[in-house]
PDB file of all heavy atoms in Angstrom:
ATOM      1  N   ALA A   1     -25.520 -20.208 -68.338  1.00  0.00           N
ATOM      2  CA  ALA A   1     -24.107 -19.868 -68.722  1.00  0.00           C
ATOM      3  C   ALA A   1     -23.173 -21.088 -68.480  1.00  0.00           C
ATOM      4  O   ALA A   1     -22.072 -21.179 -69.011  1.00  0.00           O
ATOM      5  CB  ALA A   1     -23.581 -18.620 -67.872  1.00  0.00           C
ATOM      6  N   ARG A   2     -23.607 -22.046 -67.673  1.00  0.00           N
ATOM      7  CA  ARG A   2     -22.767 -23.152 -67.247  1.00  0.00           C
ATOM      8  C   ARG A   2     -21.987 -23.854 -68.413  1.00  0.00           C
ATOM      9  O   ARG A   2     -20.875 -24.084 -68.340  1.00  0.00           O
ATOM     10  CB  ARG A   2     -23.408 -24.174 -66.362  1.00  0.00           C
ATOM     11  CG  ARG A   2     -22.434 -25.104 -65.669  1.00  0.00           C
ATOM     12  CD  ARG A   2     -23.246 -26.129 -64.683  1.00  0.00           C
ATOM     13  NE  ARG A   2     -22.272 -26.776 -63.899  1.00  0.00           N
ATOM     14  CZ  ARG A   2     -21.427 -27.707 -64.292  1.00  0.00           C
ATOM     15  NH1 ARG A   2     -21.395 -28.163 -65.397  1.00  0.00           N
ATOM     16  NH2 ARG A   2     -20.505 -28.208 -63.316  1.00  0.00           N
ATOM     17  N   PRO A   3     -22.819 -24.199 -69.536  1.00  0.00           N
ATOM     18  CA  PRO A   3     -22.038 -24.814 -70.686  1.00  0.00           C
ATOM     19  C   PRO A   3     -20.863 -23.950 -71.275  1.00  0.00           C
ATOM     20  O   PRO A   3     -19.916 -24.372 -71.712  1.00  0.00           O
ATOM     21  CB  PRO A   3     -23.161 -25.085 -71.676  1.00  0.00           C
ATOM     22  CG  PRO A   3     -24.476 -25.088 -70.878  1.00  0.00           C
ATOM     23  CD  PRO A   3     -24.238 -24.157 -69.775  1.00  0.00           C
ATOM     24  N   GLY A   4     -21.137 -22.643 -71.285  1.00  0.00           N
ATOM     25  CA  GLY A   4     -20.190 -21.680 -71.707  1.00  0.00           C
ATOM     26  C   GLY A   4     -18.881 -21.693 -70.779  1.00  0.00           C
ATOM     27  O   GLY A   4     -17.855 -21.626 -71.215  1.00  0.00           O
ATOM     28  N   TYR A   5     -19.236 -21.651 -69.435  1.00  0.00           N
ATOM     29  CA  TYR A   5     -18.082 -21.681 -68.519  1.00  0.00           C
ATOM     30  C   TYR A   5     -17.242 -23.078 -68.756  1.00  0.00           C
ATOM     31  O   TYR A   5     -16.060 -22.960 -68.719  1.00  0.00           O
ATOM     32  CB  TYR A   5     -18.625 -21.714 -67.070  1.00  0.00           C
ATOM     33  CG  TYR A   5     -19.261 -20.494 -66.635  1.00  0.00           C
ATOM     34  CD1 TYR A   5     -20.356 -20.493 -65.793  1.00  0.00           C
ATOM     35  CD2 TYR A   5     -18.844 -19.188 -67.123  1.00  0.00           C
ATOM     36  CE1 TYR A   5     -21.013 -19.356 -65.340  1.00  0.00           C
ATOM     37  CE2 TYR A   5     -19.584 -18.002 -66.675  1.00  0.00           C
ATOM     38  CZ  TYR A   5     -20.630 -18.101 -65.765  1.00  0.00           C
ATOM     39  OH  TYR A   5     -21.303 -16.962 -65.383  1.00  0.00           O
ATOM     40  N   ALA A   6     -17.941 -24.160 -68.924  1.00  0.00           N
ATOM     41  CA  ALA A   6     -17.271 -25.355 -69.061  1.00  0.00           C
ATOM     42  C   ALA A   6     -16.390 -25.364 -70.341  1.00  0.00           C
ATOM     43  O   ALA A   6     -15.241 -25.915 -70.400  1.00  0.00           O
ATOM     44  CB  ALA A   6     -18.219 -26.538 -69.136  1.00  0.00           C
ATOM     45  N   ALA A   7     -17.000 -24.795 -71.488  1.00  0.00           N
ATOM     46  CA  ALA A   7     -16.237 -24.617 -72.713  1.00  0.00           C
ATOM     47  C   ALA A   7     -15.013 -23.814 -72.583  1.00  0.00           C
ATOM     48  O   ALA A   7     -13.877 -24.209 -73.078  1.00  0.00           O
ATOM     49  CB  ALA A   7     -17.191 -24.252 -73.799  1.00  0.00           C
ATOM     50  N   ALA A   8     -15.251 -22.699 -71.862  1.00  0.00           N
ATOM     51  CA  ALA A   8     -14.071 -21.761 -71.734  1.00  0.00           C
ATOM     52  C   ALA A   8     -13.000 -22.428 -70.981  1.00  0.00           C
ATOM     53  O   ALA A   8     -11.798 -22.316 -71.130  1.00  0.00           O
ATOM     54  CB  ALA A   8     -14.534 -20.529 -71.041  1.00  0.00           C
ATOM     55  N   ALA A   9     -13.315 -23.196 -69.824  1.00  0.00           N
ATOM     56  CA  ALA A   9     -12.366 -23.933 -69.096  1.00  0.00           C
ATOM     57  C   ALA A   9     -11.689 -24.983 -69.899  1.00  0.00           C
ATOM     58  O   ALA A   9     -10.447 -25.233 -69.811  1.00  0.00           O
ATOM     59  CB  ALA A   9     -13.100 -24.511 -67.828  1.00  0.00           C
ATOM     60  N   ALA A  10     -12.368 -25.700 -70.798  1.00  0.00           N
ATOM     61  CA  ALA A  10     -11.847 -26.688 -71.579  1.00  0.00           C
ATOM     62  C   ALA A  10     -10.749 -26.187 -72.410  1.00  0.00           C
ATOM     63  O   ALA A  10      -9.683 -26.808 -72.792  1.00  0.00           O
ATOM     64  CB  ALA A  10     -12.848 -27.456 -72.379  1.00  0.00           C
ATOM     65  N   ARG A  11     -10.962 -24.989 -73.019  1.00  0.00           N
ATOM     66  CA  ARG A  11      -9.985 -24.305 -73.823  1.00  0.00           C
ATOM     67  C   ARG A  11      -8.655 -24.030 -73.146  1.00  0.00           C
ATOM     68  O   ARG A  11      -7.680 -23.805 -73.758  1.00  0.00           O
ATOM     69  CB  ARG A  11     -10.582 -23.028 -74.539  1.00  0.00           C
ATOM     70  CG  ARG A  11     -11.717 -23.284 -75.588  1.00  0.00           C
ATOM     71  CD  ARG A  11     -11.960 -22.022 -76.316  1.00  0.00           C
ATOM     72  NE  ARG A  11     -12.727 -21.132 -75.530  1.00  0.00           N
ATOM     73  CZ  ARG A  11     -14.054 -21.071 -75.456  1.00  0.00           C
ATOM     74  NH1 ARG A  11     -14.814 -21.996 -75.945  1.00  0.00           N
ATOM     75  NH2 ARG A  11     -14.589 -20.124 -74.699  1.00  0.00           N
ATOM     76  N   GLN A  12      -8.708 -23.991 -71.852  1.00  0.00           N
ATOM     77  CA  GLN A  12      -7.586 -23.760 -70.942  1.00  0.00           C
ATOM     78  C   GLN A  12      -6.976 -25.059 -70.448  1.00  0.00           C
ATOM     79  O   GLN A  12      -6.137 -25.077 -69.593  1.00  0.00           O
ATOM     80  CB  GLN A  12      -7.884 -22.758 -69.790  1.00  0.00           C
ATOM     81  CG  GLN A  12      -8.473 -21.414 -70.312  1.00  0.00           C
ATOM     82  CD  GLN A  12      -7.484 -20.686 -71.167  1.00  0.00           C
ATOM     83  OE1 GLN A  12      -6.347 -20.586 -70.860  1.00  0.00           O
ATOM     84  NE2 GLN A  12      -7.950 -20.099 -72.299  1.00  0.00           N
ATOM     85  N   GLY A  13      -7.594 -26.226 -70.882  1.00  0.00           N
ATOM     86  CA  GLY A  13      -7.020 -27.527 -70.381  1.00  0.00           C
ATOM     87  C   GLY A  13      -7.562 -27.785 -69.023  1.00  0.00           C
ATOM     88  O   GLY A  13      -6.899 -28.606 -68.321  1.00  0.00           O
ATOM     89  N   ALA A  14      -8.758 -27.282 -68.667  1.00  0.00           N
ATOM     90  CA  ALA A  14      -9.293 -27.485 -67.304  1.00  0.00           C
ATOM     91  C   ALA A  14     -10.788 -28.100 -67.427  1.00  0.00           C
ATOM     92  O   ALA A  14     -11.323 -27.860 -68.547  1.00  0.00           O
ATOM     93  CB  ALA A  14      -9.283 -26.225 -66.450  1.00  0.00           C
ATOM     94  N   VAL A  15     -11.281 -28.499 -66.382  1.00  0.00           N
ATOM     95  CA  VAL A  15     -12.657 -29.012 -66.324  1.00  0.00           C
ATOM     96  C   VAL A  15     -13.395 -28.325 -65.155  1.00  0.00           C
ATOM     97  O   VAL A  15     -12.870 -28.074 -64.073  1.00  0.00           O
ATOM     98  CB  VAL A  15     -12.622 -30.490 -66.000  1.00  0.00           C
ATOM     99  CG1 VAL A  15     -14.038 -31.092 -65.824  1.00  0.00           C
ATOM    100  CG2 VAL A  15     -12.005 -31.248 -67.200  1.00  0.00           C
ATOM    101  N   LEU A  16     -14.514 -27.796 -65.474  1.00  0.00           N
ATOM    102  CA  LEU A  16     -15.354 -27.160 -64.412  1.00  0.00           C
ATOM    103  C   LEU A  16     -16.031 -28.203 -63.552  1.00  0.00           C
ATOM    104  O   LEU A  16     -16.702 -29.182 -63.989  1.00  0.00           O
ATOM    105  CB  LEU A  16     -16.483 -26.347 -65.227  1.00  0.00           C
ATOM    106  CG  LEU A  16     -17.498 -25.659 -64.209  1.00  0.00           C
ATOM    107  CD1 LEU A  16     -16.882 -24.525 -63.400  1.00  0.00           C
ATOM    108  CD2 LEU A  16     -18.689 -25.085 -65.135  1.00  0.00           C
ATOM    109  N   LEU A  17     -15.835 -28.095 -62.273  1.00  0.00           N
ATOM    110  CA  LEU A  17     -16.293 -29.058 -61.285  1.00  0.00           C
ATOM    111  C   LEU A  17     -17.651 -28.604 -60.782  1.00  0.00           C
ATOM    112  O   LEU A  17     -18.592 -29.368 -60.818  1.00  0.00           O
ATOM    113  CB  LEU A  17     -15.317 -29.216 -60.136  1.00  0.00           C
ATOM    114  CG  LEU A  17     -13.955 -29.913 -60.522  1.00  0.00           C
ATOM    115  CD1 LEU A  17     -13.099 -29.869 -59.305  1.00  0.00           C
ATOM    116  CD2 LEU A  17     -14.175 -31.243 -61.167  1.00  0.00           C
ATOM    117  N   TRP A  18     -17.738 -27.292 -60.236  1.00  0.00           N
ATOM    118  CA  TRP A  18     -19.030 -26.895 -59.680  1.00  0.00           C
ATOM    119  C   TRP A  18     -19.026 -25.366 -59.670  1.00  0.00           C
ATOM    120  O   TRP A  18     -17.880 -24.719 -59.910  1.00  0.00           O
ATOM    121  CB  TRP A  18     -19.263 -27.451 -58.245  1.00  0.00           C
ATOM    122  CG  TRP A  18     -18.452 -26.940 -57.212  1.00  0.00           C
ATOM    123  CD1 TRP A  18     -18.472 -25.730 -56.528  1.00  0.00           C
ATOM    124  CD2 TRP A  18     -17.315 -27.623 -56.694  1.00  0.00           C
ATOM    125  NE1 TRP A  18     -17.554 -25.623 -55.572  1.00  0.00           N
ATOM    126  CE2 TRP A  18     -16.768 -26.795 -55.549  1.00  0.00           C
ATOM    127  CE3 TRP A  18     -16.640 -28.880 -56.829  1.00  0.00           C
ATOM    128  CZ2 TRP A  18     -15.670 -27.145 -54.820  1.00  0.00           C
ATOM    129  CZ3 TRP A  18     -15.595 -29.262 -56.122  1.00  0.00           C
ATOM    130  CH2 TRP A  18     -15.055 -28.376 -55.089  1.00  0.00           C
ATOM    131  N   THR A  19     -20.128 -24.764 -59.309  1.00  0.00           N
ATOM    132  CA  THR A  19     -20.252 -23.267 -59.216  1.00  0.00           C
ATOM    133  C   THR A  19     -20.605 -23.026 -57.772  1.00  0.00           C
ATOM    134  O   THR A  19     -21.320 -23.797 -57.172  1.00  0.00           O
ATOM    135  CB  THR A  19     -21.262 -22.682 -60.092  1.00  0.00           C
ATOM    136  OG1 THR A  19     -22.567 -23.126 -59.687  1.00  0.00           O
ATOM    137  CG2 THR A  19     -21.027 -23.106 -61.579  1.00  0.00           C
ATOM    138  N   THR A  20     -20.200 -21.855 -57.198  1.00  0.00           N
ATOM    139  CA  THR A  20     -20.577 -21.466 -55.832  1.00  0.00           C
ATOM    140  C   THR A  20     -21.117 -20.074 -55.892  1.00  0.00           C
ATOM    141  O   THR A  20     -20.505 -19.117 -56.392  1.00  0.00           O
ATOM    142  CB  THR A  20     -19.316 -21.437 -54.974  1.00  0.00           C
ATOM    143  OG1 THR A  20     -18.730 -22.684 -54.888  1.00  0.00           O
ATOM    144  CG2 THR A  20     -19.689 -21.029 -53.565  1.00  0.00           C
ATOM    145  N   PRO A  21     -22.438 -19.963 -55.499  1.00  0.00           N
ATOM    146  CA  PRO A  21     -23.092 -18.529 -55.515  1.00  0.00           C
ATOM    147  C   PRO A  21     -22.697 -17.833 -54.321  1.00  0.00           C
ATOM    148  O   PRO A  21     -22.549 -18.200 -53.285  1.00  0.00           O
ATOM    149  CB  PRO A  21     -24.612 -18.964 -55.448  1.00  0.00           C
ATOM    150  CG  PRO A  21     -24.551 -20.191 -54.742  1.00  0.00           C
ATOM    151  CD  PRO A  21     -23.370 -20.973 -55.151  1.00  0.00           C
ATOM    152  N   TRP A  22     -22.425 -16.556 -54.538  1.00  0.00           N
ATOM    153  CA  TRP A  22     -22.231 -15.469 -53.486  1.00  0.00           C
ATOM    154  C   TRP A  22     -23.511 -14.801 -53.142  1.00  0.00           C
ATOM    155  O   TRP A  22     -24.325 -14.635 -54.068  1.00  0.00           O
ATOM    156  CB  TRP A  22     -21.156 -14.429 -53.958  1.00  0.00           C
ATOM    157  CG  TRP A  22     -19.758 -14.925 -53.917  1.00  0.00           C
ATOM    158  CD1 TRP A  22     -19.035 -15.443 -55.026  1.00  0.00           C
ATOM    159  CD2 TRP A  22     -18.767 -14.838 -52.887  1.00  0.00           C
ATOM    160  NE1 TRP A  22     -17.862 -15.842 -54.623  1.00  0.00           N
ATOM    161  CE2 TRP A  22     -17.579 -15.434 -53.396  1.00  0.00           C
ATOM    162  CE3 TRP A  22     -18.861 -14.461 -51.621  1.00  0.00           C
ATOM    163  CZ2 TRP A  22     -16.438 -15.531 -52.559  1.00  0.00           C
ATOM    164  CZ3 TRP A  22     -17.805 -14.572 -50.713  1.00  0.00           C
ATOM    165  CH2 TRP A  22     -16.570 -15.048 -51.213  1.00  0.00           C
ATOM    166  N   PRO A  23     -23.604 -14.392 -51.968  1.00  0.00           N
ATOM    167  CA  PRO A  23     -24.772 -13.375 -51.705  1.00  0.00           C
ATOM    168  C   PRO A  23     -24.538 -12.120 -52.359  1.00  0.00           C
ATOM    169  O   PRO A  23     -23.483 -11.833 -52.975  1.00  0.00           O
ATOM    170  CB  PRO A  23     -24.640 -13.169 -50.134  1.00  0.00           C
ATOM    171  CG  PRO A  23     -23.787 -14.352 -49.611  1.00  0.00           C
ATOM    172  CD  PRO A  23     -22.836 -14.650 -50.758  1.00  0.00           C
ATOM    173  N   PRO A  24     -25.615 -11.276 -52.451  1.00  0.00           N
ATOM    174  CA  PRO A  24     -25.458 -10.037 -53.361  1.00  0.00           C
ATOM    175  C   PRO A  24     -24.268  -9.103 -52.816  1.00  0.00           C
ATOM    176  O   PRO A  24     -24.057  -9.012 -51.625  1.00  0.00           O
ATOM    177  CB  PRO A  24     -26.880  -9.438 -53.162  1.00  0.00           C
ATOM    178  CG  PRO A  24     -27.432 -10.005 -51.882  1.00  0.00           C
ATOM    179  CD  PRO A  24     -26.955 -11.389 -51.811  1.00  0.00           C
ATOM    180  N   SER A  25     -23.760  -8.448 -53.739  1.00  0.00           N
ATOM    181  CA  SER A  25     -22.607  -7.549 -53.412  1.00  0.00           C
ATOM    182  C   SER A  25     -23.109  -6.257 -52.941  1.00  0.00           C
ATOM    183  O   SER A  25     -24.200  -5.800 -53.224  1.00  0.00           O
ATOM    184  CB  SER A  25     -21.817  -7.285 -54.753  1.00  0.00           C
ATOM    185  OG  SER A  25     -21.298  -8.511 -55.270  1.00  0.00           O
ATOM    186  N   GLY A  26     -22.248  -5.677 -52.087  1.00  0.00           N
ATOM    187  CA  GLY A  26     -22.510  -4.289 -51.493  1.00  0.00           C
ATOM    188  C   GLY A  26     -21.279  -3.650 -51.208  1.00  0.00           C
ATOM    189  O   GLY A  26     -20.162  -4.065 -51.583  1.00  0.00           O
ATOM    190  N   PHE A  27     -21.264  -2.680 -50.374  1.00  0.00           N
ATOM    191  CA  PHE A  27     -20.159  -1.841 -50.058  1.00  0.00           C
ATOM    192  C   PHE A  27     -19.757  -1.992 -48.602  1.00  0.00           C
ATOM    193  O   PHE A  27     -20.538  -1.716 -47.699  1.00  0.00           O
ATOM    194  CB  PHE A  27     -20.302  -0.350 -50.298  1.00  0.00           C
ATOM    195  CG  PHE A  27     -20.834  -0.189 -51.742  1.00  0.00           C
ATOM    196  CD1 PHE A  27     -22.107   0.259 -52.010  1.00  0.00           C
ATOM    197  CD2 PHE A  27     -19.945  -0.403 -52.755  1.00  0.00           C
ATOM    198  CE1 PHE A  27     -22.511   0.514 -53.347  1.00  0.00           C
ATOM    199  CE2 PHE A  27     -20.394  -0.137 -54.111  1.00  0.00           C
ATOM    200  CZ  PHE A  27     -21.671   0.337 -54.337  1.00  0.00           C
ATOM    201  N   TRP A  28     -18.542  -2.385 -48.189  1.00  0.00           N
ATOM    202  CA  TRP A  28     -18.041  -2.352 -46.932  1.00  0.00           C
ATOM    203  C   TRP A  28     -17.196  -1.073 -46.805  1.00  0.00           C
ATOM    204  O   TRP A  28     -16.380  -0.817 -47.453  1.00  0.00           O
ATOM    205  CB  TRP A  28     -16.991  -3.631 -46.634  1.00  0.00           C
ATOM    206  CG  TRP A  28     -17.785  -4.939 -46.601  1.00  0.00           C
ATOM    207  CD1 TRP A  28     -17.925  -5.783 -47.674  1.00  0.00           C
ATOM    208  CD2 TRP A  28     -18.195  -5.564 -45.451  1.00  0.00           C
ATOM    209  NE1 TRP A  28     -18.545  -6.987 -47.221  1.00  0.00           N
ATOM    210  CE2 TRP A  28     -18.805  -6.819 -45.883  1.00  0.00           C
ATOM    211  CE3 TRP A  28     -18.302  -5.197 -44.121  1.00  0.00           C
ATOM    212  CZ2 TRP A  28     -19.307  -7.722 -44.965  1.00  0.00           C
ATOM    213  CZ3 TRP A  28     -18.779  -6.124 -43.217  1.00  0.00           C
ATOM    214  CH2 TRP A  28     -19.394  -7.385 -43.650  1.00  0.00           C
ATOM    215  N   THR A  29     -17.680  -0.285 -45.773  1.00  0.00           N
ATOM    216  CA  THR A  29     -17.110   1.027 -45.624  1.00  0.00           C
ATOM    217  C   THR A  29     -16.935   1.500 -44.206  1.00  0.00           C
ATOM    218  O   THR A  29     -17.511   0.805 -43.295  1.00  0.00           O
ATOM    219  CB  THR A  29     -18.057   2.047 -46.251  1.00  0.00           C
ATOM    220  OG1 THR A  29     -19.418   1.955 -45.675  1.00  0.00           O
ATOM    221  CG2 THR A  29     -18.058   1.925 -47.825  1.00  0.00           C
ATOM    222  N   ARG A  30     -16.180   2.563 -43.989  1.00  0.00           N
ATOM    223  CA  ARG A  30     -16.001   3.062 -42.705  1.00  0.00           C
ATOM    224  C   ARG A  30     -17.314   3.824 -42.137  1.00  0.00           C
ATOM    225  O   ARG A  30     -17.674   3.727 -40.943  1.00  0.00           O
ATOM    226  CB  ARG A  30     -14.900   4.020 -42.511  1.00  0.00           C
ATOM    227  CG  ARG A  30     -13.492   3.260 -42.756  1.00  0.00           C
ATOM    228  CD  ARG A  30     -12.325   4.265 -42.483  1.00  0.00           C
ATOM    229  NE  ARG A  30     -11.091   3.551 -42.609  1.00  0.00           N
ATOM    230  CZ  ARG A  30     -10.376   3.357 -43.713  1.00  0.00           C
ATOM    231  NH1 ARG A  30     -10.798   3.985 -44.790  1.00  0.00           N
ATOM    232  NH2 ARG A  30      -9.232   2.733 -43.696  1.00  0.00           N
ATOM    233  N   GLU A  31     -17.891   4.408 -43.062  1.00  0.00           N
ATOM    234  CA  GLU A  31     -19.229   5.178 -42.805  1.00  0.00           C
ATOM    235  C   GLU A  31     -20.309   4.563 -43.717  1.00  0.00           C
ATOM    236  O   GLU A  31     -19.934   4.156 -44.778  1.00  0.00           O
ATOM    237  CB  GLU A  31     -19.003   6.589 -42.926  1.00  0.00           C
ATOM    238  CG  GLU A  31     -17.978   7.362 -42.008  1.00  0.00           C
ATOM    239  CD  GLU A  31     -18.322   7.220 -40.610  1.00  0.00           C
ATOM    240  OE1 GLU A  31     -19.522   7.060 -40.216  1.00  0.00           O
ATOM    241  OE2 GLU A  31     -17.286   7.148 -39.706  1.00  0.00           O
ATOM    242  N   PRO A  32     -21.557   4.584 -43.352  1.00  0.00           N
ATOM    243  CA  PRO A  32     -22.533   4.139 -44.186  1.00  0.00           C
ATOM    244  C   PRO A  32     -22.620   4.852 -45.543  1.00  0.00           C
ATOM    245  O   PRO A  32     -22.416   6.115 -45.666  1.00  0.00           O
ATOM    246  CB  PRO A  32     -23.857   4.362 -43.379  1.00  0.00           C
ATOM    247  CG  PRO A  32     -23.483   4.515 -42.010  1.00  0.00           C
ATOM    248  CD  PRO A  32     -22.072   5.067 -41.987  1.00  0.00           C
TER     249      PRO A  32
END
């Protein structure tokens, strides 16, 4: 997807510098 991200940024007058991966998503809750 990176070329697509870069192209989408370019259409907004910006340049993609890098990507940062997050760990997998889950639920932060009061009770499990």
